[in-house]
Amino acid sequence: RRSGVAAVTTFAAGLQQDGAAVKAALTSTWSSGQTEGQVGKLKMLKRQTFGRSSFDLLRRRVLLAV
């Protein structure tokens, strides 16, 4: 908070305000990593086909990627 850099100060204030959520995220045994990975893969496939193909091709690529 005392860095003098506006972005860092704002980030630190947000962490302090959400202290309970930050602590829970760092100490919890639960993880959403697998879900986030699948969402990232889907977004990548979507970006690759954007404007070039139909929904049917995107659907086929998603099903083949699984």
PDB file of N, CA and C in Angstrom:
ATOM      1  N   ARG A   1       0.822  -1.211   0.000  1.00  0.00           N
ATOM      2  CA  ARG A   1       0.000   0.000   0.000  1.00  0.00           C
ATOM      3  C   ARG A   1       0.847   1.247   0.000  1.00  0.00           C
ATOM      4  N   ARG A   2       2.068   1.152   0.477  1.00  0.00           N
ATOM      5  CA  ARG A   2       2.916   2.342   0.566  1.00  0.00           C
ATOM      6  C   ARG A   2       3.904   2.443  -0.583  1.00  0.00           C
ATOM      7  N   SER A   3       3.671   1.722  -1.668  1.00  0.00           N
ATOM      8  CA  SER A   3       4.631   1.705  -2.775  1.00  0.00           C
ATOM      9  C   SER A   3       4.670   3.028  -3.546  1.00  0.00           C
ATOM     10  N   GLY A   4       3.571   3.742  -3.546  1.00  0.00           N
ATOM     11  CA  GLY A   4       3.516   4.983  -4.305  1.00  0.00           C
ATOM     12  C   GLY A   4       3.078   4.769  -5.750  1.00  0.00           C
ATOM     13  N   VAL A   5       2.926   3.512  -6.146  1.00  0.00           N
ATOM     14  CA  VAL A   5       2.457   3.191  -7.499  1.00  0.00           C
ATOM     15  C   VAL A   5       0.944   2.985  -7.428  1.00  0.00           C
ATOM     16  N   ALA A   6       0.229   3.768  -8.206  1.00  0.00           N
ATOM     17  CA  ALA A   6      -1.233   3.780  -8.108  1.00  0.00           C
ATOM     18  C   ALA A   6      -1.840   2.401  -8.332  1.00  0.00           C
ATOM     19  N   ALA A   7      -1.366   1.679  -9.331  1.00  0.00           N
ATOM     20  CA  ALA A   7      -1.938   0.367  -9.640  1.00  0.00           C
ATOM     21  C   ALA A   7      -1.703  -0.618  -8.493  1.00  0.00           C
ATOM     22  N   VAL A   8      -0.526  -0.575  -7.901  1.00  0.00           N
ATOM     23  CA  VAL A   8      -0.203  -1.475  -6.793  1.00  0.00           C
ATOM     24  C   VAL A   8      -1.033  -1.106  -5.565  1.00  0.00           C
ATOM     25  N   THR A   9      -1.193   0.167  -5.319  1.00  0.00           N
ATOM     26  CA  THR A   9      -1.986   0.638  -4.186  1.00  0.00           C
ATOM     27  C   THR A   9      -3.442   0.186  -4.322  1.00  0.00           C
ATOM     28  N   THR A  10      -3.995   0.324  -5.520  1.00  0.00           N
ATOM     29  CA  THR A  10      -5.371  -0.103  -5.768  1.00  0.00           C
ATOM     30  C   THR A  10      -5.507  -1.610  -5.597  1.00  0.00           C
ATOM     31  N   PHE A  11      -4.537  -2.357  -6.116  1.00  0.00           N
ATOM     32  CA  PHE A  11      -4.557  -3.814  -5.982  1.00  0.00           C
ATOM     33  C   PHE A  11      -4.509  -4.221  -4.511  1.00  0.00           C
ATOM     34  N   ALA A  12      -3.623  -3.604  -3.750  1.00  0.00           N
ATOM     35  CA  ALA A  12      -3.494  -3.915  -2.322  1.00  0.00           C
ATOM     36  C   ALA A  12      -4.771  -3.588  -1.564  1.00  0.00           C
ATOM     37  N   ALA A  13      -5.402  -2.475  -1.908  1.00  0.00           N
ATOM     38  CA  ALA A  13      -6.657  -2.099  -1.251  1.00  0.00           C
ATOM     39  C   ALA A  13      -7.742  -3.129  -1.546  1.00  0.00           C
ATOM     40  N   GLY A  14      -7.777  -3.625  -2.781  1.00  0.00           N
ATOM     41  CA  GLY A  14      -8.753  -4.656  -3.145  1.00  0.00           C
ATOM     42  C   GLY A  14      -8.512  -5.948  -2.386  1.00  0.00           C
ATOM     43  N   LEU A  15      -7.238  -6.333  -2.241  1.00  0.00           N
ATOM     44  CA  LEU A  15      -6.910  -7.537  -1.475  1.00  0.00           C
ATOM     45  C   LEU A  15      -7.328  -7.390  -0.016  1.00  0.00           C
ATOM     46  N   GLN A  16      -7.073  -6.224   0.528  1.00  0.00           N
ATOM     47  CA  GLN A  16      -7.421  -5.988   1.928  1.00  0.00           C
ATOM     48  C   GLN A  16      -8.940  -6.000   2.114  1.00  0.00           C
ATOM     49  N   GLN A  17      -9.653  -5.422   1.181  1.00  0.00           N
ATOM     50  CA  GLN A  17     -11.110  -5.367   1.271  1.00  0.00           C
ATOM     51  C   GLN A  17     -11.709  -6.772   1.181  1.00  0.00           C
ATOM     52  N   ASP A  18     -11.109  -7.634   0.346  1.00  0.00           N
ATOM     53  CA  ASP A  18     -11.599  -8.996   0.169  1.00  0.00           C
ATOM     54  C   ASP A  18     -10.737  -9.989   0.939  1.00  0.00           C
ATOM     55  N   GLY A  19     -10.264  -9.594   2.095  1.00  0.00           N
ATOM     56  CA  GLY A  19      -9.336 -10.408   2.877  1.00  0.00           C
ATOM     57  C   GLY A  19      -9.833 -11.815   3.153  1.00  0.00           C
ATOM     58  N   ALA A  20     -11.091 -11.965   3.506  1.00  0.00           N
ATOM     59  CA  ALA A  20     -11.628 -13.295   3.807  1.00  0.00           C
ATOM     60  C   ALA A  20     -11.615 -14.187   2.568  1.00  0.00           C
ATOM     61  N   ALA A  21     -11.966 -13.622   1.433  1.00  0.00           N
ATOM     62  CA  ALA A  21     -11.975 -14.403   0.193  1.00  0.00           C
ATOM     63  C   ALA A  21     -10.558 -14.792  -0.217  1.00  0.00           C
ATOM     64  N   VAL A  22      -9.615 -13.878  -0.045  1.00  0.00           N
ATOM     65  CA  VAL A  22      -8.219 -14.173  -0.377  1.00  0.00           C
ATOM     66  C   VAL A  22      -7.691 -15.286   0.519  1.00  0.00           C
ATOM     67  N   LYS A  23      -7.983 -15.205   1.802  1.00  0.00           N
ATOM     68  CA  LYS A  23      -7.524 -16.242   2.741  1.00  0.00           C
ATOM     69  C   LYS A  23      -8.145 -17.587   2.397  1.00  0.00           C
ATOM     70  N   ALA A  24      -9.429 -17.608   2.081  1.00  0.00           N
ATOM     71  CA  ALA A  24     -10.103 -18.853   1.715  1.00  0.00           C
ATOM     72  C   ALA A  24      -9.505 -19.449   0.442  1.00  0.00           C
ATOM     73  N   ALA A  25      -9.171 -18.607  -0.531  1.00  0.00           N
ATOM     74  CA  ALA A  25      -8.599 -19.102  -1.779  1.00  0.00           C
ATOM     75  C   ALA A  25      -7.218 -19.713  -1.561  1.00  0.00           C
ATOM     76  N   LEU A  26      -6.461 -19.152  -0.638  1.00  0.00           N
ATOM     77  CA  LEU A  26      -5.099 -19.643  -0.403  1.00  0.00           C
ATOM     78  C   LEU A  26      -5.055 -20.855   0.513  1.00  0.00           C
ATOM     79  N   THR A  27      -6.077 -21.053   1.329  1.00  0.00           N
ATOM     80  CA  THR A  27      -6.049 -22.153   2.291  1.00  0.00           C
ATOM     81  C   THR A  27      -6.998 -23.292   1.953  1.00  0.00           C
ATOM     82  N   SER A  28      -7.877 -23.113   1.002  1.00  0.00           N
ATOM     83  CA  SER A  28      -8.858 -24.131   0.656  1.00  0.00           C
ATOM     84  C   SER A  28      -8.210 -25.286  -0.110  1.00  0.00           C
ATOM     85  N   THR A  29      -8.721 -26.488   0.116  1.00  0.00           N
ATOM     86  CA  THR A  29      -8.218 -27.646  -0.628  1.00  0.00           C
ATOM     87  C   THR A  29      -8.907 -27.785  -1.971  1.00  0.00           C
ATOM     88  N   TRP A  30      -9.976 -27.029  -2.180  1.00  0.00           N
ATOM     89  CA  TRP A  30     -10.705 -27.081  -3.444  1.00  0.00           C
ATOM     90  C   TRP A  30     -10.001 -26.246  -4.495  1.00  0.00           C
ATOM     91  N   SER A  31     -10.117 -26.681  -5.747  1.00  0.00           N
ATOM     92  CA  SER A  31      -9.495 -25.944  -6.846  1.00  0.00           C
ATOM     93  C   SER A  31     -10.423 -25.965  -8.058  1.00  0.00           C
ATOM     94  N   SER A  32     -10.441 -24.884  -8.795  1.00  0.00           N
ATOM     95  CA  SER A  32     -11.228 -24.835 -10.030  1.00  0.00           C
ATOM     96  C   SER A  32     -10.295 -24.906 -11.238  1.00  0.00           C
ATOM     97  N   GLY A  33      -9.078 -25.379 -11.037  1.00  0.00           N
ATOM     98  CA  GLY A  33      -8.083 -25.439 -12.105  1.00  0.00           C
ATOM     99  C   GLY A  33      -8.521 -26.246 -13.312  1.00  0.00           C
ATOM    100  N   GLN A  34      -9.110 -27.418 -13.081  1.00  0.00           N
ATOM    101  CA  GLN A  34      -9.550 -28.260 -14.193  1.00  0.00           C
ATOM    102  C   GLN A  34     -10.631 -27.558 -15.009  1.00  0.00           C
ATOM    103  N   THR A  35     -11.574 -26.927 -14.328  1.00  0.00           N
ATOM    104  CA  THR A  35     -12.640 -26.197 -15.016  1.00  0.00           C
ATOM    105  C   THR A  35     -12.065 -25.045 -15.825  1.00  0.00           C
ATOM    106  N   GLU A  36     -11.160 -24.285 -15.209  1.00  0.00           N
ATOM    107  CA  GLU A  36     -10.560 -23.145 -15.909  1.00  0.00           C
ATOM    108  C   GLU A  36      -9.773 -23.603 -17.135  1.00  0.00           C
ATOM    109  N   GLY A  37      -9.118 -24.744 -17.027  1.00  0.00           N
ATOM    110  CA  GLY A  37      -8.377 -25.281 -18.172  1.00  0.00           C
ATOM    111  C   GLY A  37      -9.293 -25.637 -19.327  1.00  0.00           C
ATOM    112  N   GLN A  38     -10.428 -26.249 -19.014  1.00  0.00           N
ATOM    113  CA  GLN A  38     -11.380 -26.619 -20.060  1.00  0.00           C
ATOM    114  C   GLN A  38     -11.989 -25.371 -20.699  1.00  0.00           C
ATOM    115  N   VAL A  39     -12.288 -24.359 -19.890  1.00  0.00           N
ATOM    116  CA  VAL A  39     -12.844 -23.109 -20.418  1.00  0.00           C
ATOM    117  C   VAL A  39     -11.815 -22.437 -21.326  1.00  0.00           C
ATOM    118  N   GLY A  40     -10.550 -22.443 -20.908  1.00  0.00           N
ATOM    119  CA  GLY A  40      -9.484 -21.863 -21.731  1.00  0.00           C
ATOM    120  C   GLY A  40      -9.343 -22.573 -23.067  1.00  0.00           C
ATOM    121  N   LYS A  41      -9.438 -23.902 -23.041  1.00  0.00           N
ATOM    122  CA  LYS A  41      -9.337 -24.677 -24.280  1.00  0.00           C
ATOM    123  C   LYS A  41     -10.498 -24.344 -25.216  1.00  0.00           C
ATOM    124  N   LEU A  42     -11.706 -24.239 -24.648  1.00  0.00           N
ATOM    125  CA  LEU A  42     -12.882 -23.903 -25.446  1.00  0.00           C
ATOM    126  C   LEU A  42     -12.745 -22.515 -26.067  1.00  0.00           C
ATOM    127  N   LYS A  43     -12.256 -21.550 -25.280  1.00  0.00           N
ATOM    128  CA  LYS A  43     -12.069 -20.193 -25.809  1.00  0.00           C
ATOM    129  C   LYS A  43     -11.048 -20.175 -26.934  1.00  0.00           C
ATOM    130  N   MET A  44      -9.971 -20.973 -26.800  1.00  0.00           N
ATOM    131  CA  MET A  44      -8.965 -21.029 -27.850  1.00  0.00           C
ATOM    132  C   MET A  44      -9.576 -21.582 -29.135  1.00  0.00           C
ATOM    133  N   LEU A  45     -10.337 -22.669 -29.035  1.00  0.00           N
ATOM    134  CA  LEU A  45     -10.977 -23.240 -30.221  1.00  0.00           C
ATOM    135  C   LEU A  45     -11.943 -22.239 -30.857  1.00  0.00           C
ATOM    136  N   LYS A  46     -12.663 -21.525 -30.022  1.00  0.00           N
ATOM    137  CA  LYS A  46     -13.613 -20.531 -30.520  1.00  0.00           C
ATOM    138  C   LYS A  46     -12.889 -19.408 -31.260  1.00  0.00           C
ATOM    139  N   ARG A  47     -11.769 -18.933 -30.692  1.00  0.00           N
ATOM    140  CA  ARG A  47     -10.995 -17.875 -31.354  1.00  0.00           C
ATOM    141  C   ARG A  47     -10.443 -18.343 -32.700  1.00  0.00           C
ATOM    142  N   GLN A  48     -10.000 -19.590 -32.754  1.00  0.00           N
ATOM    143  CA  GLN A  48      -9.412 -20.111 -33.991  1.00  0.00           C
ATOM    144  C   GLN A  48     -10.428 -20.191 -35.119  1.00  0.00           C
ATOM    145  N   THR A  49     -11.693 -20.430 -34.792  1.00  0.00           N
ATOM    146  CA  THR A  49     -12.698 -20.590 -35.842  1.00  0.00           C
ATOM    147  C   THR A  49     -13.560 -19.353 -36.039  1.00  0.00           C
ATOM    148  N   PHE A  50     -13.305 -18.293 -35.281  1.00  0.00           N
ATOM    149  CA  PHE A  50     -14.150 -17.104 -35.347  1.00  0.00           C
ATOM    150  C   PHE A  50     -14.195 -16.526 -36.763  1.00  0.00           C
ATOM    151  N   GLY A  51     -15.401 -16.387 -37.309  1.00  0.00           N
ATOM    152  CA  GLY A  51     -15.599 -15.773 -38.612  1.00  0.00           C
ATOM    153  C   GLY A  51     -15.256 -16.676 -39.780  1.00  0.00           C
ATOM    154  N   ARG A  52     -14.785 -17.892 -39.527  1.00  0.00           N
ATOM    155  CA  ARG A  52     -14.366 -18.770 -40.622  1.00  0.00           C
ATOM    156  C   ARG A  52     -15.243 -19.985 -40.798  1.00  0.00           C
ATOM    157  N   SER A  53     -16.038 -20.300 -39.786  1.00  0.00           N
ATOM    158  CA  SER A  53     -16.790 -21.537 -39.887  1.00  0.00           C
ATOM    159  C   SER A  53     -18.134 -21.415 -39.195  1.00  0.00           C
ATOM    160  N   SER A  54     -18.914 -22.447 -39.351  1.00  0.00           N
ATOM    161  CA  SER A  54     -20.244 -22.467 -38.741  1.00  0.00           C
ATOM    162  C   SER A  54     -20.179 -23.043 -37.332  1.00  0.00           C
ATOM    163  N   PHE A  55     -21.291 -22.967 -36.655  1.00  0.00           N
ATOM    164  CA  PHE A  55     -21.377 -23.528 -35.311  1.00  0.00           C
ATOM    165  C   PHE A  55     -21.155 -25.034 -35.342  1.00  0.00           C
ATOM    166  N   ASP A  56     -21.606 -25.693 -36.421  1.00  0.00           N
ATOM    167  CA  ASP A  56     -21.453 -27.150 -36.513  1.00  0.00           C
ATOM    168  C   ASP A  56     -19.981 -27.561 -36.500  1.00  0.00           C
ATOM    169  N   LEU A  57     -19.136 -26.817 -37.192  1.00  0.00           N
ATOM    170  CA  LEU A  57     -17.709 -27.134 -37.195  1.00  0.00           C
ATOM    171  C   LEU A  57     -17.101 -26.870 -35.822  1.00  0.00           C
ATOM    172  N   LEU A  58     -17.484 -25.785 -35.178  1.00  0.00           N
ATOM    173  CA  LEU A  58     -16.989 -25.501 -33.834  1.00  0.00           C
ATOM    174  C   LEU A  58     -17.416 -26.624 -32.877  1.00  0.00           C
ATOM    175  N   ARG A  59     -18.643 -27.052 -32.972  1.00  0.00           N
ATOM    176  CA  ARG A  59     -19.140 -28.138 -32.126  1.00  0.00           C
ATOM    177  C   ARG A  59     -18.331 -29.405 -32.365  1.00  0.00           C
ATOM    178  N   ARG A  60     -18.066 -29.732 -33.604  1.00  0.00           N
ATOM    179  CA  ARG A  60     -17.290 -30.930 -33.935  1.00  0.00           C
ATOM    180  C   ARG A  60     -15.886 -30.838 -33.360  1.00  0.00           C
ATOM    181  N   ARG A  61     -15.247 -29.681 -33.481  1.00  0.00           N
ATOM    182  CA  ARG A  61     -13.896 -29.503 -32.950  1.00  0.00           C
ATOM    183  C   ARG A  61     -13.860 -29.612 -31.433  1.00  0.00           C
ATOM    184  N   VAL A  62     -14.897 -29.076 -30.771  1.00  0.00           N
ATOM    185  CA  VAL A  62     -14.951 -29.165 -29.310  1.00  0.00           C
ATOM    186  C   VAL A  62     -15.099 -30.630 -28.890  1.00  0.00           C
ATOM    187  N   LEU A  63     -15.961 -31.353 -29.551  1.00  0.00           N
ATOM    188  CA  LEU A  63     -16.164 -32.752 -29.196  1.00  0.00           C
ATOM    189  C   LEU A  63     -14.939 -33.596 -29.481  1.00  0.00           C
ATOM    190  N   LEU A  64     -14.199 -33.290 -30.527  1.00  0.00           N
ATOM    191  CA  LEU A  64     -12.981 -34.035 -30.841  1.00  0.00           C
ATOM    192  C   LEU A  64     -11.833 -33.681 -29.888  1.00  0.00           C
ATOM    193  N   ALA A  65     -11.866 -32.501 -29.329  1.00  0.00           N
ATOM    194  CA  ALA A  65     -10.791 -32.055 -28.427  1.00  0.00           C
ATOM    195  C   ALA A  65     -10.905 -32.697 -27.053  1.00  0.00           C
ATOM    196  N   VAL A  66     -12.065 -33.219 -26.738  1.00  0.00           N
ATOM    197  CA  VAL A  66     -12.277 -33.803 -25.398  1.00  0.00           C
ATOM    198  C   VAL A  66     -11.620 -35.119 -25.248  1.00  0.00           C
TER     199      VAL A  66
END
